[in-house]
Amino acid sequence: MVLDNYRIHHAEKLQSFLKKNPRLQLVFLPKYSPELNPVEGLWKWLKRDVVNNVFFSKFYHIRTHVAAFMKRINRHPLEVIDRLLTWV
């Protein structure tokens, strides 16, 4: 499994789990390398299209807009993959 270096990915509980499950190997991306992690492009896209310069008076409004964004991009998965692989 490929992971970024977020602190929780190095937690003690995870280490004990990995010892019990040696078939699972973690490969960590270099620190400060968002260009290697396509999900960072998704967050950037979501922020730009959904929450940038917008005031939401209620939390559920944010959830509604994020859900609509996810539904919209899931209609065209190959376009999303292309966009995320070239987001940098």
N, C-alpha and C. Protein backbone atom coordinates (compact mmCIF):
# COMPACT_ATOMS: atom_id res chain seq x y z
N MET A 1 0.85 -1.16 0.00
CA MET A 1 0.00 0.00 0.00
C MET A 1 0.90 1.23 0.00
N VAL A 2 0.58 2.19 -0.85
CA VAL A 2 1.35 3.43 -0.95
C VAL A 2 0.65 4.49 -0.12
N LEU A 3 1.41 5.14 0.75
CA LEU A 3 0.86 6.15 1.67
C LEU A 3 1.73 7.39 1.68
N ASP A 4 1.13 8.49 2.08
CA ASP A 4 1.95 9.67 2.35
C ASP A 4 2.52 9.52 3.76
N ASN A 5 3.23 10.49 4.21
CA ASN A 5 3.89 10.40 5.52
C ASN A 5 3.10 11.03 6.65
N TYR A 6 1.79 11.05 6.51
CA TYR A 6 0.96 11.59 7.59
C TYR A 6 1.26 10.83 8.88
N ARG A 7 1.29 11.55 9.99
CA ARG A 7 1.69 10.98 11.28
C ARG A 7 0.95 9.70 11.64
N ILE A 8 -0.33 9.67 11.38
CA ILE A 8 -1.13 8.51 11.78
C ILE A 8 -0.69 7.24 11.05
N HIS A 9 -0.08 7.39 9.89
CA HIS A 9 0.39 6.23 9.14
C HIS A 9 1.61 5.57 9.77
N HIS A 10 2.15 6.19 10.79
CA HIS A 10 3.31 5.64 11.51
C HIS A 10 2.94 5.28 12.95
N ALA A 11 1.66 5.23 13.25
CA ALA A 11 1.20 5.02 14.63
C ALA A 11 1.62 3.66 15.17
N GLU A 12 1.76 3.59 16.48
CA GLU A 12 2.15 2.36 17.16
C GLU A 12 1.17 1.22 16.88
N LYS A 13 -0.12 1.53 16.92
CA LYS A 13 -1.12 0.49 16.67
C LYS A 13 -0.99 -0.08 15.26
N LEU A 14 -0.64 0.77 14.32
CA LEU A 14 -0.46 0.31 12.95
C LEU A 14 0.75 -0.62 12.87
N GLN A 15 1.81 -0.29 13.58
CA GLN A 15 3.01 -1.11 13.57
C GLN A 15 2.72 -2.52 14.10
N SER A 16 1.94 -2.60 15.17
CA SER A 16 1.60 -3.92 15.70
C SER A 16 0.72 -4.69 14.72
N PHE A 17 -0.18 -3.99 14.04
CA PHE A 17 -1.02 -4.64 13.02
C PHE A 17 -0.16 -5.19 11.89
N LEU A 18 0.83 -4.41 11.45
CA LEU A 18 1.71 -4.85 10.37
C LEU A 18 2.52 -6.07 10.76
N LYS A 19 2.93 -6.15 12.01
CA LYS A 19 3.67 -7.33 12.47
C LYS A 19 2.80 -8.58 12.42
N LYS A 20 1.52 -8.42 12.70
CA LYS A 20 0.59 -9.56 12.66
C LYS A 20 0.17 -9.91 11.23
N ASN A 21 0.37 -8.98 10.31
CA ASN A 21 -0.05 -9.17 8.91
C ASN A 21 1.12 -8.86 7.97
N PRO A 22 2.11 -9.74 7.93
CA PRO A 22 3.33 -9.44 7.18
C PRO A 22 3.15 -9.35 5.66
N ARG A 23 2.02 -9.84 5.15
CA ARG A 23 1.79 -9.72 3.71
C ARG A 23 1.54 -8.28 3.28
N LEU A 24 1.07 -7.46 4.20
CA LEU A 24 0.81 -6.05 3.89
C LEU A 24 2.10 -5.26 4.09
N GLN A 25 2.55 -4.62 3.03
CA GLN A 25 3.75 -3.79 3.11
C GLN A 25 3.38 -2.36 2.76
N LEU A 26 3.90 -1.45 3.52
CA LEU A 26 3.65 -0.03 3.29
C LEU A 26 4.84 0.59 2.58
N VAL A 27 4.53 1.38 1.58
CA VAL A 27 5.56 2.15 0.86
C VAL A 27 5.19 3.61 1.05
N PHE A 28 6.10 4.36 1.63
CA PHE A 28 5.82 5.77 1.93
C PHE A 28 6.38 6.68 0.85
N LEU A 29 5.55 7.63 0.44
CA LEU A 29 6.00 8.65 -0.49
C LEU A 29 7.00 9.55 0.22
N PRO A 30 7.90 10.18 -0.51
CA PRO A 30 8.81 11.13 0.13
C PRO A 30 8.02 12.28 0.75
N LYS A 31 8.55 12.84 1.82
CA LYS A 31 7.90 13.97 2.47
C LYS A 31 7.85 15.16 1.52
N TYR A 32 6.79 15.93 1.67
CA TYR A 32 6.59 17.15 0.89
C TYR A 32 6.62 16.88 -0.62
N SER A 33 5.87 15.85 -1.03
CA SER A 33 5.82 15.53 -2.46
C SER A 33 4.37 15.32 -2.91
N PRO A 34 3.54 16.36 -2.82
CA PRO A 34 2.14 16.19 -3.20
C PRO A 34 1.96 15.83 -4.67
N GLU A 35 2.96 16.14 -5.50
CA GLU A 35 2.85 15.81 -6.92
C GLU A 35 2.83 14.30 -7.17
N LEU A 36 3.27 13.53 -6.18
CA LEU A 36 3.26 12.07 -6.30
C LEU A 36 1.99 11.45 -5.75
N ASN A 37 1.12 12.26 -5.18
CA ASN A 37 -0.10 11.76 -4.54
C ASN A 37 -1.31 12.37 -5.26
N PRO A 38 -1.89 11.63 -6.21
CA PRO A 38 -2.99 12.19 -7.01
C PRO A 38 -4.18 12.71 -6.22
N VAL A 39 -4.42 12.19 -5.03
CA VAL A 39 -5.57 12.66 -4.26
C VAL A 39 -5.40 14.13 -3.87
N GLU A 40 -4.17 14.61 -3.78
CA GLU A 40 -3.94 16.03 -3.49
C GLU A 40 -4.55 16.90 -4.59
N GLY A 41 -4.47 16.43 -5.83
CA GLY A 41 -5.10 17.15 -6.94
C GLY A 41 -6.61 17.18 -6.81
N LEU A 42 -7.17 16.08 -6.31
CA LEU A 42 -8.62 16.04 -6.10
C LEU A 42 -9.04 17.05 -5.04
N TRP A 43 -8.29 17.14 -3.94
CA TRP A 43 -8.62 18.12 -2.88
C TRP A 43 -8.52 19.53 -3.42
N LYS A 44 -7.48 19.79 -4.22
CA LYS A 44 -7.30 21.12 -4.79
C LYS A 44 -8.48 21.47 -5.72
N TRP A 45 -8.88 20.50 -6.54
CA TRP A 45 -10.00 20.68 -7.46
C TRP A 45 -11.30 20.92 -6.71
N LEU A 46 -11.52 20.10 -5.68
CA LEU A 46 -12.73 20.24 -4.87
C LEU A 46 -12.78 21.60 -4.20
N LYS A 47 -11.68 22.01 -3.60
CA LYS A 47 -11.65 23.32 -2.93
C LYS A 47 -11.93 24.44 -3.93
N ARG A 48 -11.32 24.36 -5.11
CA ARG A 48 -11.52 25.42 -6.09
C ARG A 48 -12.96 25.47 -6.59
N ASP A 49 -13.55 24.31 -6.86
CA ASP A 49 -14.90 24.26 -7.43
C ASP A 49 -16.02 24.38 -6.40
N VAL A 50 -15.77 24.02 -5.16
CA VAL A 50 -16.86 23.93 -4.18
C VAL A 50 -16.78 24.98 -3.08
N VAL A 51 -15.63 25.14 -2.47
CA VAL A 51 -15.60 25.97 -1.26
C VAL A 51 -14.82 27.28 -1.39
N ASN A 52 -14.11 27.47 -2.49
CA ASN A 52 -13.30 28.67 -2.63
C ASN A 52 -14.18 29.92 -2.73
N ASN A 53 -13.94 30.88 -1.84
CA ASN A 53 -14.67 32.16 -1.82
C ASN A 53 -16.18 31.99 -1.67
N VAL A 54 -16.59 30.99 -0.93
CA VAL A 54 -18.01 30.75 -0.70
C VAL A 54 -18.25 30.67 0.81
N PHE A 55 -19.29 31.33 1.28
CA PHE A 55 -19.67 31.22 2.68
C PHE A 55 -20.87 30.29 2.79
N PHE A 56 -20.73 29.27 3.60
CA PHE A 56 -21.83 28.34 3.85
C PHE A 56 -22.33 28.59 5.27
N SER A 57 -23.58 28.93 5.39
CA SER A 57 -24.12 29.25 6.72
C SER A 57 -24.38 28.01 7.56
N LYS A 58 -24.51 26.88 6.91
CA LYS A 58 -24.76 25.62 7.62
C LYS A 58 -23.81 24.55 7.08
N PHE A 59 -23.39 23.66 7.99
CA PHE A 59 -22.46 22.60 7.60
C PHE A 59 -23.07 21.70 6.52
N TYR A 60 -24.35 21.41 6.64
CA TYR A 60 -24.96 20.49 5.67
C TYR A 60 -24.94 21.07 4.25
N HIS A 61 -24.85 22.40 4.12
CA HIS A 61 -24.72 22.98 2.78
C HIS A 61 -23.38 22.58 2.15
N ILE A 62 -22.34 22.57 2.94
CA ILE A 62 -21.03 22.13 2.44
C ILE A 62 -21.13 20.68 2.01
N ARG A 63 -21.70 19.85 2.89
CA ARG A 63 -21.85 18.42 2.57
C ARG A 63 -22.62 18.22 1.28
N THR A 64 -23.68 18.97 1.08
CA THR A 64 -24.50 18.85 -0.13
C THR A 64 -23.69 19.21 -1.37
N HIS A 65 -22.92 20.29 -1.29
CA HIS A 65 -22.11 20.72 -2.44
C HIS A 65 -20.97 19.74 -2.72
N VAL A 66 -20.34 19.23 -1.67
CA VAL A 66 -19.27 18.25 -1.87
C VAL A 66 -19.85 16.96 -2.48
N ALA A 67 -20.99 16.52 -2.00
CA ALA A 67 -21.63 15.31 -2.55
C ALA A 67 -21.97 15.50 -4.03
N ALA A 68 -22.46 16.68 -4.39
CA ALA A 68 -22.79 16.96 -5.79
C ALA A 68 -21.53 16.95 -6.65
N PHE A 69 -20.45 17.51 -6.13
CA PHE A 69 -19.17 17.51 -6.84
C PHE A 69 -18.71 16.08 -7.08
N MET A 70 -18.74 15.25 -6.03
CA MET A 70 -18.30 13.86 -6.16
C MET A 70 -19.17 13.09 -7.14
N LYS A 71 -20.46 13.31 -7.09
CA LYS A 71 -21.38 12.64 -8.02
C LYS A 71 -21.07 13.06 -9.46
N ARG A 72 -20.81 14.35 -9.64
CA ARG A 72 -20.51 14.87 -10.98
C ARG A 72 -19.21 14.27 -11.54
N ILE A 73 -18.15 14.24 -10.74
CA ILE A 73 -16.88 13.74 -11.28
C ILE A 73 -16.90 12.22 -11.45
N ASN A 74 -17.73 11.53 -10.67
CA ASN A 74 -17.80 10.07 -10.81
C ASN A 74 -18.50 9.63 -12.10
N ARG A 75 -19.16 10.54 -12.78
CA ARG A 75 -19.80 10.19 -14.05
C ARG A 75 -18.77 10.00 -15.17
N HIS A 76 -17.56 10.56 -14.98
CA HIS A 76 -16.53 10.51 -16.03
C HIS A 76 -15.19 10.09 -15.42
N PRO A 77 -15.09 8.85 -14.96
CA PRO A 77 -13.88 8.43 -14.23
C PRO A 77 -12.58 8.53 -15.02
N LEU A 78 -12.61 8.25 -16.30
CA LEU A 78 -11.36 8.32 -17.07
C LEU A 78 -10.87 9.75 -17.21
N GLU A 79 -11.78 10.69 -17.35
CA GLU A 79 -11.39 12.11 -17.40
C GLU A 79 -10.82 12.55 -16.06
N VAL A 80 -11.39 12.06 -14.99
CA VAL A 80 -10.88 12.39 -13.65
C VAL A 80 -9.48 11.85 -13.48
N ILE A 81 -9.26 10.61 -13.89
CA ILE A 81 -7.92 10.01 -13.78
C ILE A 81 -6.92 10.84 -14.58
N ASP A 82 -7.28 11.17 -15.82
CA ASP A 82 -6.37 11.99 -16.65
C ASP A 82 -6.06 13.32 -15.97
N ARG A 83 -7.07 13.95 -15.44
CA ARG A 83 -6.86 15.25 -14.78
C ARG A 83 -5.98 15.12 -13.54
N LEU A 84 -6.21 14.09 -12.75
CA LEU A 84 -5.44 13.94 -11.52
C LEU A 84 -3.99 13.53 -11.80
N LEU A 85 -3.76 12.84 -12.88
CA LEU A 85 -2.39 12.44 -13.19
C LEU A 85 -1.59 13.59 -13.80
N THR A 86 -2.26 14.66 -14.17
CA THR A 86 -1.55 15.80 -14.76
C THR A 86 -1.79 17.08 -13.98
N TRP A 87 -2.19 16.98 -12.72
CA TRP A 87 -2.60 18.17 -11.96
C TRP A 87 -1.45 19.07 -11.58
N VAL A 88 -0.25 18.57 -11.53
CA VAL A 88 0.88 19.37 -11.05
C VAL A 88 1.29 20.40 -12.08
